[in-house]
Amino acid sequence: MFSSRLLFMNNISVAQRSCKSTTQSKCIKKLLIANRGEIACRIIRTAQRLDIATVAVYSEADTNAMHVNLADNAYPIGPSPPSSSYLNQQCILNVALLCQADAIHPGYGFLSENAAFAEACVQNGFIFVGPSSSAMRAMGSKDKAKEIMSSAAVPVIDGYHGVDQSDVRLKAETERIGYPVMLKAVCSGGGKGMRVIVNESEFLDRLHSARSESKSAFGDDRMIIEKLVPCARHVEVQIFGDNYGNYVHLFERDCSAQRRCQKLIEEAPAPSISDTTRRSMRKAAIAAASCANYTGAGTVEFLVDKDQFYFLEMNTRLQVEHPVTEMITGIDLVEWQLRIASGERLPIQDQTSITSRGHSFEARIYAQNPLEGFAPCPGNLIYFDLSYLAKMSNLRLEVGYQQGDAVSSHYDPLIGKIVAWDADRTSALQKLHDALANLQLFGVGNNVAFLLTLCQHSRLSLEGAMHTKFIDEHVEQLLHNRKDEQWLKVAACWAHLGSYLAMRESMRHCCSDPFGISDGFRINTAPTGDRLTVRSGDTLVSTNIKESHTMFSFEVGKETYKMKCVRSTVDECAEGGKIAKMDIEYGSERIQVSSLFIACKARVYCSRFAGSFIDFNLAEPAWAESLSKVGAFSGEMNIAAPLPGIIERIVVTAGQQVKKGDVLLTMVAMKMEFSLTAPFDATVDRVLCQAGNSVPKGAKLVHLSSGEVGTH
């Protein structure tokens, strides 16, 4: 959460924070936030601190969202799909007129880099909190930005950013540049609309996929091509400009820890860059802003290869990772945005007065399953406990969800961010690790354990050693490191103890009839809990429990584990679940453990585990086990939807012969496109869906036959 802790180094006095109306400025009294999730909450908090009334907008999926409840007022803007709500310019402008807003803040994503929307805001009498539409067209469009930077003698990567967008021209330019290349949508961001192409055979499929994804996310499918620079670092400079020709930078961020162009961990300042290169990058960033008469917050991104750097793009908006800059400078970037949009000068115009202190890391928490190719995981946040993190010093939590909320398949899977600060880089990274280890999240697949493994990897702890392709090249190793065989049997004992305490607590609140438990809590095993068999992956563990006051002993095969439960509480969570929180004396240690139970599933949290938690199935029936192994191939030669989404493109027709790995269709979920492929050589018997269909998880989409075409 944004708190006074952030401002411990702020150079802006309290007196300066009052709204100053002049002939050049217009005071913002009411602000509409044209966004959702954590960034909407982030903007609302700063606006309210400045005594600015806030207005939220929301789609049908976000009716009870956190940003809706946090704002002073909220208005519906349409159905759940972004094209019908958060990308619906006219509807948002209508709400702004209705509520008499003074200004509109676009956040990031959605309409934040849409020049036409910025222009429409001004034409309708609203302040657009961002750069002018002309600056946005100049620098927000990757093709035009490259032309401007080339003319300013800033190094750019060899590529193509021309008007001719035909398949033939793009392929010809790719062959001229030479494989491998990076294909990017002109309006791409967050890894969307971007594809690496390594050879000619995959060019058309990846081009069409990138176009489709970009059109869905940004409403624009134009492409540029760049020569792929292997093993480069992603370093960006935060800049600010005002309407009076003043420009400053707020140092650099290193965003090299990314997977397929999706940033995972960012830090500031960027480590291990020579002073000469650092000065040159900052100078180039200021030049970029000056060339475009840029106002407000902007980020100039570079690829850094040793001491060489190349202009990548300029983001004409607030970045997801802006909090790490705030943490090292003590400057509230959203406040600066609002002041500059009001017509004020930069709060600090002397570059030497802006100082950096300490080091900061940010980790992005995504509803994605790393073990299934980082597929988005929409669903309900059954348990989401941030209480331990809220007590940590110099730590920020930027979240857009709370326990019980639904993570929708219609939007980006970002749940929130953890931002840590400390006096030096090593301490800041350790603080981030400790925060991740104590974050308890259940109900949707997520990347917390993967982030923990990444925090512990020598490549991240060694300054400047991470590059943009490292995670892609070592993802299997990083996933393998999650396994923690040493603690598996002990964790099974803790799962058993937690279930035992949860069942006992439930029975305390009912009559002598154990089936009269009013809260509906059940575990599919003996109510007494004397014996429990759990499964973790391919490993089965059976435990027998014996209790003597607060002492418990567990028999696991021929081994016996003894421990003392010093303190325990049992709480309810969403969907009838229970969580047992325990202080356990085990050996010479006192360890905090949480055991969470939902139906036949258990999760045991403990900071001693490599991935912070271990999952178990409790007495899982055989039919559930066989079903869990099917995945997207649903049996009987049916290809099923791996998650809820919209059918984007159907590639095959009935009667067509396909080879193993051939793309059958593509679907869009959580703003990303997925290809469903043939699991074996086959004939397409039937296509059971149409482009544009909205389908639930498990819906049958294509029927395959290994023999002759069916006659159904």
Foldseek 3Di string as FASTA:
>chain_A
DDDCLLQPQPPFDPVNLAFDDDPQFDGFQEEEELDAKLQLVLLQVVCVVSNHAYEYEDAPQCPPWPSCVSGPYYYYQYHDFCVRGSLPLVSSVVVCVVVVGQAYEHGDFRCNLPLVSCVVCVVSRHQYLFWHSQLSVQFQFFLNLVVLLVVVVFAAFDWFRDDDQDPVVRLVRDVVSDPFKKKAFRNDDQLALIDTDGDDVCSVVSLVQSQLLCCSRHVGRGIMMGHDDPQWWKKKWKKAFAQPQFIEILAMKTQFCADSRHGFKMKPPAPDADPVLRVVRRVSVSVSCNSSVTHAIKMWMWTHDRSDIHTDGMNRHDDQPCSNSSNFQSDDRSSQSSCRSRRDGRSDRDRVVGGGFFMKMKGWKFLFALVVVRHHWWWFFFDWDQPVVVPDRQKDKRATHDFGRTQFFSAARTGTMIMHTDRYDLVNLVNVLVSLLPTDTDIGRICSLLVNLVSPDPCVVDRPNRGNCVCVVCVVVSVVLQDDVPCPQVLVVVLLVFLQVQLVVQCVPAPPPSVRRPLPDDEPDDSNSQKWWKDFPPDIWIWGWDDDPQKIWIDTPPDIFIKGFPDWDWDGTPPSKIKIWTFIGGPNDTWIWIWIDDHQKIKIAGSVRSSRITIIGTPDDPVVVVQVPCAQCRPQQFGWANAWFFWAFADDAAFDWDAAFQFGTWTGTNSRIDTDTRNGTWGFQHADDDGGDTDGGGHGGTHTHRDGHDPD
